[in-house]
């Protein structure tokens, strides 16, 4: 370094001006190096691919409690105390609108779709709705409820080939439950001064929906910060609701407790990955549009990880593919689009490869399938059929159970 450059650096330091150049393409600019160095120091010590792990059950006995502890949220258990608010005959199935408790503080609204036949306990699927920057509706994104708001109808065309995929599953013989995730649908954020129509979704125009969704997006970090300050995490709230949804399912005589699966797109895929990884009662899972190595997202995909999708400190122990691999030996399918801009494709492929390694090491390679589709961030009809066939194979009528 020349004397002139040294002098310029000293003057810059004295003036409080950063002397480092931003890393090309890094969303965090000059601060990316700290993030990269921190991530690179992790050995991912609780990954099953570590040589010290040889037995998958012994590994999960260590890994699951460690991940649960990172969620910083373990509210008291309680009786779900379900209440059926409405029961609608939909021809091949019955749609129940219910509420039940996941904690002493929370009543969760849900739809339960029940096939009319065959008689007896049936396989069940926890259907997990997406984020989509679309907060006014939650469970209705994936359940057919008529009449349907035209904005919701268009959303389904954009992301689901116009289908209500939870309602497609019930026609295959599954009991299907879809809850409103925290911050969505009937659990959406309402604040002082909101227009009265924000409480009446059907009265909202397309412009009203856009305005509400914009406001809700802007408030996510505020709510996330509030949860962190309260000593909890948004992910902890989400995952606990999903796990306790399984608790509720097990109270139903029409559900076979040995044949429960889960499925979701986007943040629904994120939820599906963690529900399957953390809850041994899930025997088959499909994760759509949410699988990547976190290390590969640090440089240019930070915007895919908001406050609701942070498990604080996770990467010091495990990566996302390690978490979902705790499903093993349960059946797992991951589906991603090659043009999904939320995730770097190389990171998606590395995640698929790691899950493949875990299932091979556990001796059940046939129980994992990673699928890439040429397409964007969506769960289109072809993807849905692929996912449903996978669930049929492992927990449905085709499973032979």
Foldseek 3Di string as FASTA:
>chain_A
DDPVVVVVVVVCVVVVHDPDAFDPLFPVTPCLVVVLVVLVVFPLALFCVPVVHQALVVSLVPPLVVLLVLQQDDADADFQPKDFPDWADPPQWIKTWIWTDLHPVDIWTKIKIAGPDDDFAFFAEEEFEAPQLQAQAGLCLQDDDPPDAVVSQVVCCVFAVSHSLQVVLVSQPHTYMYIGFQCHHVNNDDDPPDPPCSNPVNPDDPVRSVVSSVVSVVCQVVVQVVQVVVRGALQSSRLSVSLVVLVVVVVDRRHDQQRYAYEYFQVSLVSRLQNLLNPQSHQEYEREADFFWPSQCRGNQCVSDDRNNDSPPSSSNRTSLSSSLSSPVGAYEYEYECAAPNYPVVRRVVSLVSSCVSCVSNVHNVRYYYYYHHDYRHCYPVNSVVRSVSSCCCRHPVVVD
